[in-house]
Amino acid sequence: MVSAQTIEKALALHKAGNLQQAELLYCSILEEAPQNHGVLHYTGLLEMHRGNFTKAIEFILKAIDLEQNEAKYYGNLSVAYIQSEKGSEALQAIEAALVLEPENLDFIYNKGAALVKSGQLKQAPVSYTH
């Protein structure tokens, strides 16, 4: 069983910018608990920090498959899609986040970015000025 301390240590390393060490711990945790949606999500964020958006999307989607009620997973998925120039996918992800947290200003802003990336420029200002 993975301890909360191990996960906290991996997160602390990640937040401190020690991505390689954080990744080693995340991998170790996932070997023992491959269904840990939180660690899958954090691994996706780590890959985003590295600019590996395709890998980030894969990890975050795995997290969402295991836990569909975490708005931040969808929000971060939308960011990865935006960075990957996948506007329509970003828009779907941010819409899912907004269903769970309709007043989240970061999500509202990201919806504007997703609209721009998906070519829906006329709708974007509404999101940016919400």
N, C-alpha and C. Protein backbone atom coordinates (compact mmCIF):
# COMPACT_ATOMS: atom_id res chain seq x y z
N MET A 1 0.84 -1.19 0.00
CA MET A 1 0.00 0.00 0.00
C MET A 1 0.89 1.25 0.00
N VAL A 2 0.53 2.19 -0.82
CA VAL A 2 1.29 3.44 -0.95
C VAL A 2 0.92 4.36 0.20
N SER A 3 1.93 4.91 0.84
CA SER A 3 1.66 5.81 1.95
C SER A 3 1.40 7.23 1.46
N ALA A 4 0.61 7.95 2.22
CA ALA A 4 0.35 9.35 1.91
C ALA A 4 1.65 10.15 1.96
N GLN A 5 2.56 9.74 2.83
CA GLN A 5 3.86 10.43 2.95
C GLN A 5 4.66 10.32 1.66
N THR A 6 4.62 9.17 1.02
CA THR A 6 5.35 8.99 -0.24
C THR A 6 4.79 9.90 -1.32
N ILE A 7 3.47 9.99 -1.38
CA ILE A 7 2.84 10.87 -2.37
C ILE A 7 3.17 12.32 -2.06
N GLU A 8 3.11 12.70 -0.78
CA GLU A 8 3.45 14.07 -0.39
C GLU A 8 4.90 14.41 -0.73
N LYS A 9 5.80 13.44 -0.54
CA LYS A 9 7.20 13.66 -0.86
C LYS A 9 7.38 13.88 -2.37
N ALA A 10 6.68 13.07 -3.17
CA ALA A 10 6.76 13.22 -4.64
C ALA A 10 6.23 14.60 -5.05
N LEU A 11 5.12 15.01 -4.45
CA LEU A 11 4.55 16.33 -4.77
C LEU A 11 5.51 17.45 -4.37
N ALA A 12 6.13 17.32 -3.22
CA ALA A 12 7.08 18.34 -2.77
C ALA A 12 8.25 18.45 -3.73
N LEU A 13 8.76 17.32 -4.18
CA LEU A 13 9.84 17.32 -5.16
C LEU A 13 9.39 17.98 -6.46
N HIS A 14 8.19 17.65 -6.88
CA HIS A 14 7.63 18.20 -8.11
C HIS A 14 7.52 19.72 -7.99
N LYS A 15 6.92 20.19 -6.90
CA LYS A 15 6.73 21.63 -6.68
C LYS A 15 8.06 22.37 -6.58
N ALA A 16 9.08 21.69 -6.09
CA ALA A 16 10.40 22.30 -5.95
C ALA A 16 11.17 22.29 -7.27
N GLY A 17 10.59 21.68 -8.29
CA GLY A 17 11.25 21.64 -9.60
C GLY A 17 12.18 20.46 -9.79
N ASN A 18 12.19 19.54 -8.86
CA ASN A 18 13.02 18.33 -8.98
C ASN A 18 12.22 17.27 -9.75
N LEU A 19 12.04 17.54 -11.04
CA LEU A 19 11.14 16.71 -11.84
C LEU A 19 11.62 15.27 -11.98
N GLN A 20 12.91 15.09 -12.13
CA GLN A 20 13.43 13.73 -12.31
C GLN A 20 13.18 12.89 -11.05
N GLN A 21 13.45 13.46 -9.89
CA GLN A 21 13.22 12.72 -8.64
C GLN A 21 11.73 12.49 -8.41
N ALA A 22 10.92 13.50 -8.72
CA ALA A 22 9.47 13.34 -8.57
C ALA A 22 8.97 12.24 -9.49
N GLU A 23 9.48 12.23 -10.72
CA GLU A 23 9.06 11.21 -11.67
C GLU A 23 9.40 9.81 -11.17
N LEU A 24 10.58 9.65 -10.60
CA LEU A 24 10.96 8.34 -10.06
C LEU A 24 9.99 7.88 -8.98
N LEU A 25 9.62 8.80 -8.10
CA LEU A 25 8.66 8.45 -7.05
C LEU A 25 7.28 8.17 -7.63
N TYR A 26 6.84 9.00 -8.57
CA TYR A 26 5.54 8.76 -9.20
C TYR A 26 5.51 7.38 -9.86
N CYS A 27 6.56 7.04 -10.57
CA CYS A 27 6.63 5.73 -11.24
C CYS A 27 6.59 4.59 -10.23
N SER A 28 7.32 4.77 -9.14
CA SER A 28 7.34 3.77 -8.08
C SER A 28 5.94 3.59 -7.49
N ILE A 29 5.26 4.69 -7.26
CA ILE A 29 3.90 4.63 -6.72
C ILE A 29 2.98 3.93 -7.70
N LEU A 30 3.09 4.28 -8.98
CA LEU A 30 2.20 3.69 -9.97
C LEU A 30 2.48 2.21 -10.22
N GLU A 31 3.71 1.78 -9.98
CA GLU A 31 4.00 0.34 -10.07
C GLU A 31 3.22 -0.41 -9.00
N GLU A 32 3.14 0.19 -7.83
CA GLU A 32 2.45 -0.44 -6.71
C GLU A 32 0.94 -0.20 -6.76
N ALA A 33 0.54 0.97 -7.25
CA ALA A 33 -0.88 1.34 -7.27
C ALA A 33 -1.23 2.00 -8.60
N PRO A 34 -1.31 1.20 -9.68
CA PRO A 34 -1.53 1.77 -11.01
C PRO A 34 -2.88 2.48 -11.17
N GLN A 35 -3.79 2.27 -10.24
CA GLN A 35 -5.10 2.90 -10.30
C GLN A 35 -5.17 4.20 -9.49
N ASN A 36 -4.05 4.71 -9.04
CA ASN A 36 -4.03 5.94 -8.25
C ASN A 36 -4.22 7.13 -9.18
N HIS A 37 -5.45 7.58 -9.29
CA HIS A 37 -5.78 8.65 -10.25
C HIS A 37 -5.07 9.95 -9.92
N GLY A 38 -4.87 10.23 -8.65
CA GLY A 38 -4.16 11.46 -8.28
C GLY A 38 -2.74 11.47 -8.79
N VAL A 39 -2.04 10.37 -8.63
CA VAL A 39 -0.65 10.29 -9.08
C VAL A 39 -0.59 10.26 -10.61
N LEU A 40 -1.55 9.64 -11.25
CA LEU A 40 -1.60 9.70 -12.71
C LEU A 40 -1.75 11.15 -13.17
N HIS A 41 -2.61 11.90 -12.50
CA HIS A 41 -2.81 13.31 -12.82
C HIS A 41 -1.52 14.10 -12.59
N TYR A 42 -0.88 13.90 -11.44
CA TYR A 42 0.37 14.61 -11.15
C TYR A 42 1.46 14.28 -12.16
N THR A 43 1.49 13.02 -12.59
CA THR A 43 2.47 12.63 -13.61
C THR A 43 2.17 13.36 -14.92
N GLY A 44 0.90 13.52 -15.23
CA GLY A 44 0.52 14.30 -16.40
C GLY A 44 0.98 15.75 -16.28
N LEU A 45 0.82 16.33 -15.10
CA LEU A 45 1.28 17.70 -14.88
C LEU A 45 2.79 17.80 -15.03
N LEU A 46 3.50 16.81 -14.52
CA LEU A 46 4.96 16.79 -14.66
C LEU A 46 5.34 16.78 -16.14
N GLU A 47 4.67 15.97 -16.91
CA GLU A 47 4.95 15.92 -18.35
C GLU A 47 4.61 17.25 -19.02
N MET A 48 3.56 17.90 -18.56
CA MET A 48 3.24 19.22 -19.10
C MET A 48 4.35 20.21 -18.79
N HIS A 49 4.88 20.16 -17.58
CA HIS A 49 5.98 21.06 -17.21
C HIS A 49 7.20 20.84 -18.09
N ARG A 50 7.37 19.64 -18.56
CA ARG A 50 8.47 19.31 -19.46
C ARG A 50 8.18 19.66 -20.92
N GLY A 51 6.94 20.00 -21.20
CA GLY A 51 6.55 20.28 -22.58
C GLY A 51 6.16 19.04 -23.36
N ASN A 52 5.99 17.92 -22.68
CA ASN A 52 5.58 16.66 -23.32
C ASN A 52 4.05 16.55 -23.25
N PHE A 53 3.37 17.31 -24.09
CA PHE A 53 1.92 17.42 -23.98
C PHE A 53 1.19 16.14 -24.37
N THR A 54 1.73 15.39 -25.30
CA THR A 54 1.08 14.13 -25.68
C THR A 54 1.09 13.16 -24.50
N LYS A 55 2.23 13.05 -23.83
CA LYS A 55 2.31 12.19 -22.65
C LYS A 55 1.42 12.73 -21.53
N ALA A 56 1.40 14.05 -21.37
CA ALA A 56 0.56 14.65 -20.33
C ALA A 56 -0.90 14.27 -20.57
N ILE A 57 -1.35 14.38 -21.80
CA ILE A 57 -2.73 14.04 -22.14
C ILE A 57 -3.02 12.58 -21.81
N GLU A 58 -2.09 11.69 -22.15
CA GLU A 58 -2.29 10.26 -21.87
C GLU A 58 -2.47 10.02 -20.38
N PHE A 59 -1.61 10.59 -19.55
CA PHE A 59 -1.71 10.38 -18.10
C PHE A 59 -2.99 10.99 -17.53
N ILE A 60 -3.32 12.19 -17.96
CA ILE A 60 -4.52 12.84 -17.41
C ILE A 60 -5.78 12.10 -17.84
N LEU A 61 -5.80 11.61 -19.07
CA LEU A 61 -6.96 10.82 -19.51
C LEU A 61 -7.10 9.54 -18.68
N LYS A 62 -5.99 8.91 -18.33
CA LYS A 62 -6.05 7.72 -17.46
C LYS A 62 -6.64 8.09 -16.11
N ALA A 63 -6.23 9.25 -15.58
CA ALA A 63 -6.77 9.71 -14.30
C ALA A 63 -8.28 9.93 -14.40
N ILE A 64 -8.71 10.55 -15.50
CA ILE A 64 -10.13 10.82 -15.69
C ILE A 64 -10.92 9.52 -15.85
N ASP A 65 -10.34 8.53 -16.51
CA ASP A 65 -11.02 7.24 -16.64
C ASP A 65 -11.33 6.64 -15.27
N LEU A 66 -10.46 6.92 -14.31
CA LEU A 66 -10.64 6.36 -12.96
C LEU A 66 -11.48 7.26 -12.06
N GLU A 67 -11.50 8.54 -12.34
CA GLU A 67 -12.24 9.50 -11.49
C GLU A 67 -12.78 10.63 -12.36
N GLN A 68 -14.06 10.54 -12.69
CA GLN A 68 -14.67 11.51 -13.59
C GLN A 68 -15.16 12.79 -12.90
N ASN A 69 -15.06 12.87 -11.59
CA ASN A 69 -15.63 14.02 -10.88
C ASN A 69 -14.59 15.00 -10.35
N GLU A 70 -13.41 14.99 -10.90
CA GLU A 70 -12.36 15.94 -10.51
C GLU A 70 -12.24 17.01 -11.58
N ALA A 71 -12.79 18.16 -11.30
CA ALA A 71 -12.80 19.25 -12.29
C ALA A 71 -11.38 19.64 -12.71
N LYS A 72 -10.45 19.62 -11.76
CA LYS A 72 -9.08 20.05 -12.10
C LYS A 72 -8.45 19.12 -13.14
N TYR A 73 -8.85 17.87 -13.17
CA TYR A 73 -8.30 16.96 -14.18
C TYR A 73 -8.71 17.44 -15.58
N TYR A 74 -9.98 17.77 -15.73
CA TYR A 74 -10.46 18.26 -17.02
C TYR A 74 -9.84 19.61 -17.35
N GLY A 75 -9.70 20.47 -16.34
CA GLY A 75 -9.10 21.77 -16.56
C GLY A 75 -7.67 21.65 -17.06
N ASN A 76 -6.90 20.79 -16.42
CA ASN A 76 -5.51 20.61 -16.85
C ASN A 76 -5.42 19.88 -18.19
N LEU A 77 -6.36 18.98 -18.44
CA LEU A 77 -6.41 18.33 -19.75
C LEU A 77 -6.64 19.38 -20.84
N SER A 78 -7.50 20.34 -20.57
CA SER A 78 -7.75 21.38 -21.57
C SER A 78 -6.49 22.19 -21.85
N VAL A 79 -5.71 22.47 -20.82
CA VAL A 79 -4.45 23.21 -21.01
C VAL A 79 -3.50 22.41 -21.89
N ALA A 80 -3.39 21.11 -21.63
CA ALA A 80 -2.51 20.26 -22.44
C ALA A 80 -2.97 20.24 -23.90
N TYR A 81 -4.28 20.17 -24.10
CA TYR A 81 -4.81 20.20 -25.47
C TYR A 81 -4.55 21.55 -26.14
N ILE A 82 -4.73 22.63 -25.39
CA ILE A 82 -4.46 23.96 -25.95
C ILE A 82 -3.00 24.05 -26.39
N GLN A 83 -2.10 23.59 -25.54
CA GLN A 83 -0.67 23.63 -25.86
C GLN A 83 -0.34 22.71 -27.03
N SER A 84 -1.18 21.72 -27.27
CA SER A 84 -0.98 20.79 -28.39
C SER A 84 -1.70 21.24 -29.65
N GLU A 85 -2.28 22.45 -29.60
CA GLU A 85 -3.01 23.00 -30.75
C GLU A 85 -4.24 22.15 -31.11
N LYS A 86 -4.87 21.55 -30.10
CA LYS A 86 -6.07 20.73 -30.31
C LYS A 86 -7.26 21.45 -29.67
N GLY A 87 -7.73 22.45 -30.39
CA GLY A 87 -8.76 23.33 -29.85
C GLY A 87 -10.08 22.65 -29.53
N SER A 88 -10.57 21.80 -30.42
CA SER A 88 -11.88 21.18 -30.16
C SER A 88 -11.82 20.24 -28.96
N GLU A 89 -10.71 19.51 -28.82
CA GLU A 89 -10.55 18.64 -27.65
C GLU A 89 -10.42 19.48 -26.37
N ALA A 90 -9.71 20.60 -26.47
CA ALA A 90 -9.57 21.50 -25.32
C ALA A 90 -10.93 22.02 -24.90
N LEU A 91 -11.74 22.37 -25.87
CA LEU A 91 -13.07 22.90 -25.58
C LEU A 91 -13.93 21.84 -24.89
N GLN A 92 -13.88 20.61 -25.35
CA GLN A 92 -14.64 19.53 -24.71
C GLN A 92 -14.19 19.33 -23.27
N ALA A 93 -12.87 19.35 -23.06
CA ALA A 93 -12.35 19.14 -21.71
C ALA A 93 -12.75 20.28 -20.78
N ILE A 94 -12.65 21.51 -21.24
CA ILE A 94 -12.97 22.63 -20.36
C ILE A 94 -14.47 22.71 -20.10
N GLU A 95 -15.27 22.31 -21.06
CA GLU A 95 -16.72 22.25 -20.83
C GLU A 95 -17.04 21.24 -19.73
N ALA A 96 -16.34 20.11 -19.72
CA ALA A 96 -16.54 19.11 -18.67
C ALA A 96 -16.13 19.68 -17.31
N ALA A 97 -15.04 20.43 -17.28
CA ALA A 97 -14.60 21.05 -16.02
C ALA A 97 -15.65 22.05 -15.53
N LEU A 98 -16.20 22.82 -16.46
CA LEU A 98 -17.18 23.83 -16.08
C LEU A 98 -18.51 23.23 -15.62
N VAL A 99 -18.84 22.05 -16.07
CA VAL A 99 -20.03 21.37 -15.55
C VAL A 99 -19.85 21.11 -14.06
N LEU A 100 -18.64 20.73 -13.67
CA LEU A 100 -18.35 20.41 -12.27
C LEU A 100 -18.11 21.66 -11.42
N GLU A 101 -17.52 22.69 -12.01
CA GLU A 101 -17.21 23.93 -11.29
C GLU A 101 -17.51 25.13 -12.20
N PRO A 102 -18.79 25.47 -12.33
CA PRO A 102 -19.18 26.50 -13.30
C PRO A 102 -18.68 27.91 -12.98
N GLU A 103 -18.29 28.19 -11.76
CA GLU A 103 -17.83 29.53 -11.40
C GLU A 103 -16.31 29.66 -11.33
N ASN A 104 -15.60 28.62 -11.71
CA ASN A 104 -14.14 28.64 -11.64
C ASN A 104 -13.59 29.58 -12.71
N LEU A 105 -12.99 30.67 -12.27
CA LEU A 105 -12.53 31.70 -13.21
C LEU A 105 -11.40 31.20 -14.12
N ASP A 106 -10.53 30.34 -13.61
CA ASP A 106 -9.49 29.78 -14.47
C ASP A 106 -10.11 28.98 -15.61
N PHE A 107 -11.14 28.22 -15.29
CA PHE A 107 -11.80 27.41 -16.32
C PHE A 107 -12.49 28.31 -17.34
N ILE A 108 -13.13 29.37 -16.86
CA ILE A 108 -13.81 30.29 -17.77
C ILE A 108 -12.79 30.93 -18.71
N TYR A 109 -11.66 31.36 -18.17
CA TYR A 109 -10.60 31.94 -19.00
C TYR A 109 -10.10 30.91 -20.01
N ASN A 110 -9.85 29.68 -19.54
CA ASN A 110 -9.35 28.63 -20.43
C ASN A 110 -10.35 28.29 -21.52
N LYS A 111 -11.64 28.47 -21.22
CA LYS A 111 -12.63 28.24 -22.27
C LYS A 111 -12.41 29.23 -23.41
N GLY A 112 -12.09 30.47 -23.07
CA GLY A 112 -11.79 31.45 -24.10
C GLY A 112 -10.61 31.03 -24.95
N ALA A 113 -9.55 30.54 -24.30
CA ALA A 113 -8.38 30.07 -25.04
C ALA A 113 -8.73 28.88 -25.93
N ALA A 114 -9.56 27.99 -25.41
CA ALA A 114 -9.97 26.82 -26.19
C ALA A 114 -10.82 27.25 -27.39
N LEU A 115 -11.68 28.23 -27.18
CA LEU A 115 -12.50 28.74 -28.29
C LEU A 115 -11.61 29.34 -29.38
N VAL A 116 -10.60 30.08 -28.96
CA VAL A 116 -9.67 30.67 -29.93
C VAL A 116 -8.96 29.55 -30.70
N LYS A 117 -8.44 28.56 -29.99
CA LYS A 117 -7.72 27.46 -30.64
C LYS A 117 -8.61 26.65 -31.57
N SER A 118 -9.90 26.59 -31.25
CA SER A 118 -10.81 25.80 -32.10
C SER A 118 -11.41 26.64 -33.22
N GLY A 119 -10.97 27.91 -33.32
CA GLY A 119 -11.43 28.75 -34.42
C GLY A 119 -12.76 29.44 -34.18
N GLN A 120 -13.24 29.40 -32.95
CA GLN A 120 -14.53 30.02 -32.62
C GLN A 120 -14.28 31.39 -31.98
N LEU A 121 -13.70 32.27 -32.77
CA LEU A 121 -13.24 33.57 -32.26
C LEU A 121 -14.38 34.45 -31.77
N LYS A 122 -15.53 34.37 -32.38
CA LYS A 122 -16.64 35.25 -31.99
C LYS A 122 -17.15 34.93 -30.59
N GLN A 123 -17.06 33.68 -30.17
CA GLN A 123 -17.54 33.30 -28.85
C GLN A 123 -16.51 33.56 -27.75
N ALA A 124 -15.25 33.68 -28.11
CA ALA A 124 -14.18 33.81 -27.12
C ALA A 124 -14.32 35.04 -26.23
N PRO A 125 -14.64 36.23 -26.75
CA PRO A 125 -14.73 37.39 -25.86
C PRO A 125 -15.73 37.21 -24.71
N VAL A 126 -16.81 36.49 -24.94
CA VAL A 126 -17.79 36.24 -23.89
C VAL A 126 -17.13 35.50 -22.74
N SER A 127 -16.30 34.53 -23.05
CA SER A 127 -15.61 33.77 -22.01
C SER A 127 -14.58 34.62 -21.29
N TYR A 128 -13.86 35.45 -22.03
CA TYR A 128 -12.84 36.27 -21.41
C TYR A 128 -13.41 37.39 -20.56
N THR A 129 -14.65 37.80 -20.81
CA THR A 129 -15.23 38.89 -20.03
C THR A 129 -16.29 38.42 -19.06
N HIS A 130 -16.46 37.13 -18.89
CA HIS A 130 -17.50 36.55 -18.02
C HIS A 130 -17.40 37.06 -16.61
